[in-house]
C-alpha cells in the first residue's frame, strides 16, 4: 500500500498487514527495567502482523475471530 498502488480495496478482500522494526537499540535504562535475558541484549527486532477482511461498512480485524 503506497501512493503508486493502482488497486482499490473491495468488499471481501483479505490481506495480511505486517509492520517490522529491525536492529532497534536498547538504552541502558531500558535494559535496567527489562526482565530476564532481555537485559543482555543490545539490539532487538520486532514483526507485528495481522489479517484484515474488507467489509461493506468497515475493515474487520481477524485477530478477534473465533475458530469454528
N, C-alpha and C. Protein backbone atom coordinates (compact mmCIF):
# COMPACT_ATOMS: atom_id res chain seq x y z
N UNK A 1 0.84 -1.16 0.00
CA UNK A 1 0.00 0.00 0.00
C UNK A 1 0.89 1.23 0.00
N UNK A 2 0.82 1.96 -1.07
CA UNK A 2 1.54 3.22 -1.17
C UNK A 2 0.89 4.08 -2.24
N UNK A 3 1.46 5.23 -2.53
CA UNK A 3 0.85 6.15 -3.49
C UNK A 3 0.87 5.62 -4.92
N UNK A 4 1.74 4.66 -5.22
CA UNK A 4 1.82 4.10 -6.58
C UNK A 4 0.82 2.97 -6.80
N UNK A 5 0.15 2.52 -5.74
CA UNK A 5 -0.79 1.41 -5.84
C UNK A 5 -2.02 1.82 -6.66
N UNK A 6 -2.31 1.08 -7.72
CA UNK A 6 -3.46 1.37 -8.57
C UNK A 6 -4.70 0.56 -8.18
N UNK A 7 -4.50 -0.47 -7.36
CA UNK A 7 -5.60 -1.36 -6.99
C UNK A 7 -6.39 -0.77 -5.82
N UNK A 8 -7.72 -0.84 -5.91
CA UNK A 8 -8.58 -0.33 -4.84
C UNK A 8 -9.08 -1.49 -3.99
N UNK A 9 -9.28 -1.21 -2.72
CA UNK A 9 -9.84 -2.22 -1.84
C UNK A 9 -11.30 -2.46 -2.21
N UNK A 10 -11.72 -3.73 -2.10
CA UNK A 10 -13.09 -4.09 -2.43
C UNK A 10 -13.63 -5.03 -1.35
N UNK A 11 -14.96 -5.14 -1.31
CA UNK A 11 -15.61 -5.99 -0.33
C UNK A 11 -15.08 -7.42 -0.42
N UNK A 12 -14.89 -8.05 0.74
CA UNK A 12 -14.43 -9.43 0.90
C UNK A 12 -12.97 -9.66 0.53
N UNK A 13 -12.22 -8.62 0.29
CA UNK A 13 -10.78 -8.78 0.09
C UNK A 13 -10.16 -9.12 1.44
N UNK A 14 -9.19 -10.01 1.43
CA UNK A 14 -8.47 -10.39 2.64
C UNK A 14 -6.99 -10.13 2.39
N UNK A 15 -6.33 -9.48 3.32
CA UNK A 15 -4.91 -9.25 3.16
C UNK A 15 -4.21 -9.26 4.51
N UNK A 16 -2.91 -9.47 4.43
CA UNK A 16 -2.08 -9.50 5.63
C UNK A 16 -1.34 -8.18 5.73
N UNK A 17 -1.44 -7.55 6.87
CA UNK A 17 -0.75 -6.29 7.13
C UNK A 17 0.39 -6.58 8.09
N UNK A 18 1.62 -6.28 7.70
CA UNK A 18 2.79 -6.55 8.55
C UNK A 18 3.66 -5.31 8.63
N UNK A 19 4.10 -5.00 9.84
CA UNK A 19 4.99 -3.88 10.08
C UNK A 19 6.17 -4.41 10.88
N UNK A 20 7.37 -4.08 10.45
CA UNK A 20 8.53 -4.60 11.14
C UNK A 20 9.53 -3.52 11.50
N UNK A 21 10.28 -3.78 12.57
CA UNK A 21 11.37 -2.91 13.01
C UNK A 21 12.60 -3.79 13.14
N UNK A 22 13.74 -3.31 12.70
CA UNK A 22 14.95 -4.12 12.69
C UNK A 22 16.11 -3.38 13.36
N UNK A 23 16.85 -4.09 14.19
CA UNK A 23 18.05 -3.56 14.85
C UNK A 23 17.79 -2.30 15.69
N UNK A 24 16.73 -2.33 16.48
CA UNK A 24 16.48 -1.22 17.40
C UNK A 24 17.41 -1.39 18.60
N UNK A 25 18.02 -0.31 19.04
CA UNK A 25 18.97 -0.38 20.15
C UNK A 25 18.28 -0.14 21.48
N UNK A 26 18.69 -0.93 22.47
CA UNK A 26 18.18 -0.76 23.83
C UNK A 26 19.12 0.16 24.61
N UNK A 27 18.56 1.15 25.27
CA UNK A 27 19.38 2.02 26.12
C UNK A 27 19.68 1.30 27.44
N UNK A 28 20.63 1.79 28.17
CA UNK A 28 20.95 1.20 29.47
C UNK A 28 19.76 1.27 30.41
N UNK A 29 18.98 2.35 30.33
CA UNK A 29 17.80 2.50 31.18
C UNK A 29 16.75 1.43 30.83
N UNK A 30 16.56 1.18 29.53
CA UNK A 30 15.61 0.14 29.11
C UNK A 30 16.07 -1.24 29.56
N UNK A 31 17.37 -1.50 29.47
CA UNK A 31 17.91 -2.79 29.92
C UNK A 31 17.71 -2.97 31.42
N UNK A 32 17.90 -1.91 32.18
CA UNK A 32 17.76 -1.98 33.64
C UNK A 32 16.32 -2.31 34.02
N UNK A 33 15.35 -1.83 33.24
CA UNK A 33 13.93 -2.09 33.52
C UNK A 33 13.45 -3.42 32.96
N UNK A 34 14.25 -4.07 32.11
CA UNK A 34 13.84 -5.31 31.44
C UNK A 34 13.94 -6.51 32.37
N UNK A 35 13.28 -7.58 31.97
CA UNK A 35 13.28 -8.82 32.75
C UNK A 35 14.15 -9.88 32.07
N UNK A 36 14.75 -10.74 32.86
CA UNK A 36 15.45 -11.91 32.36
C UNK A 36 16.55 -11.63 31.37
N UNK A 37 16.62 -12.47 30.34
CA UNK A 37 17.71 -12.40 29.37
C UNK A 37 17.66 -11.16 28.47
N UNK A 38 16.56 -10.43 28.48
CA UNK A 38 16.46 -9.20 27.68
C UNK A 38 17.52 -8.20 28.13
N UNK A 39 17.90 -8.25 29.37
CA UNK A 39 18.93 -7.34 29.89
C UNK A 39 20.27 -7.52 29.17
N UNK A 40 20.49 -8.68 28.58
CA UNK A 40 21.76 -8.96 27.90
C UNK A 40 21.78 -8.48 26.44
N UNK A 41 20.63 -8.10 25.92
CA UNK A 41 20.55 -7.67 24.52
C UNK A 41 21.06 -6.25 24.33
N UNK A 42 21.65 -5.99 23.16
CA UNK A 42 22.00 -4.62 22.81
C UNK A 42 21.05 -4.10 21.74
N UNK A 43 20.53 -5.01 20.91
CA UNK A 43 19.57 -4.66 19.85
C UNK A 43 18.47 -5.70 19.81
N UNK A 44 17.33 -5.30 19.22
CA UNK A 44 16.24 -6.25 19.03
C UNK A 44 15.47 -5.88 17.77
N UNK A 45 14.69 -6.83 17.27
CA UNK A 45 13.82 -6.62 16.11
C UNK A 45 12.43 -7.10 16.47
N UNK A 46 11.43 -6.59 15.73
CA UNK A 46 10.05 -6.94 16.03
C UNK A 46 9.25 -6.96 14.74
N UNK A 47 8.34 -7.94 14.61
CA UNK A 47 7.42 -8.01 13.49
C UNK A 47 6.02 -8.13 14.05
N UNK A 48 5.15 -7.23 13.64
CA UNK A 48 3.75 -7.24 14.06
C UNK A 48 2.92 -7.47 12.81
N UNK A 49 2.05 -8.49 12.83
CA UNK A 49 1.26 -8.81 11.64
C UNK A 49 -0.16 -9.20 12.03
N UNK A 50 -1.09 -8.95 11.12
CA UNK A 50 -2.48 -9.34 11.34
C UNK A 50 -3.15 -9.50 9.99
N UNK A 51 -4.25 -10.23 9.97
CA UNK A 51 -5.04 -10.43 8.76
C UNK A 51 -6.28 -9.55 8.86
N UNK A 52 -6.63 -8.91 7.73
CA UNK A 52 -7.76 -7.98 7.71
C UNK A 52 -8.70 -8.37 6.58
N UNK A 53 -10.02 -8.33 6.83
CA UNK A 53 -11.05 -8.56 5.82
C UNK A 53 -11.77 -7.25 5.58
N UNK A 54 -11.91 -6.86 4.32
CA UNK A 54 -12.64 -5.63 3.98
C UNK A 54 -14.12 -5.95 3.89
N UNK A 55 -14.94 -5.24 4.66
CA UNK A 55 -16.39 -5.41 4.65
C UNK A 55 -17.03 -4.16 4.06
N UNK A 56 -18.33 -4.20 3.81
CA UNK A 56 -19.04 -3.06 3.22
C UNK A 56 -18.93 -1.83 4.12
N UNK A 57 -19.09 -2.01 5.42
CA UNK A 57 -19.12 -0.88 6.35
C UNK A 57 -17.71 -0.49 6.79
N UNK A 58 -16.84 -1.47 7.07
CA UNK A 58 -15.51 -1.17 7.60
C UNK A 58 -14.60 -2.37 7.44
N UNK A 59 -13.33 -2.17 7.68
CA UNK A 59 -12.38 -3.29 7.70
C UNK A 59 -12.57 -4.06 9.00
N UNK A 60 -12.33 -5.37 8.96
CA UNK A 60 -12.53 -6.22 10.12
C UNK A 60 -11.22 -6.90 10.48
N UNK A 61 -10.79 -6.74 11.71
CA UNK A 61 -9.56 -7.32 12.21
C UNK A 61 -9.81 -8.79 12.56
N UNK A 62 -9.09 -9.73 11.93
CA UNK A 62 -9.33 -11.16 12.12
C UNK A 62 -8.75 -11.71 13.42
N UNK A 63 -7.95 -10.96 14.11
CA UNK A 63 -7.38 -11.44 15.37
C UNK A 63 -8.47 -11.84 16.35
N UNK A 64 -9.59 -11.18 16.31
CA UNK A 64 -10.65 -11.42 17.28
C UNK A 64 -11.68 -12.44 16.82
N UNK A 65 -11.46 -13.09 15.65
CA UNK A 65 -12.36 -14.15 15.18
C UNK A 65 -12.15 -15.41 16.00
N UNK A 66 -13.20 -16.14 16.27
CA UNK A 66 -13.11 -17.42 16.96
C UNK A 66 -13.11 -18.54 15.93
N UNK A 67 -12.30 -19.55 16.16
CA UNK A 67 -12.28 -20.72 15.28
C UNK A 67 -13.56 -21.49 15.41
N UNK A 68 -14.01 -22.04 14.28
CA UNK A 68 -15.26 -22.82 14.34
C UNK A 68 -14.98 -24.30 14.29
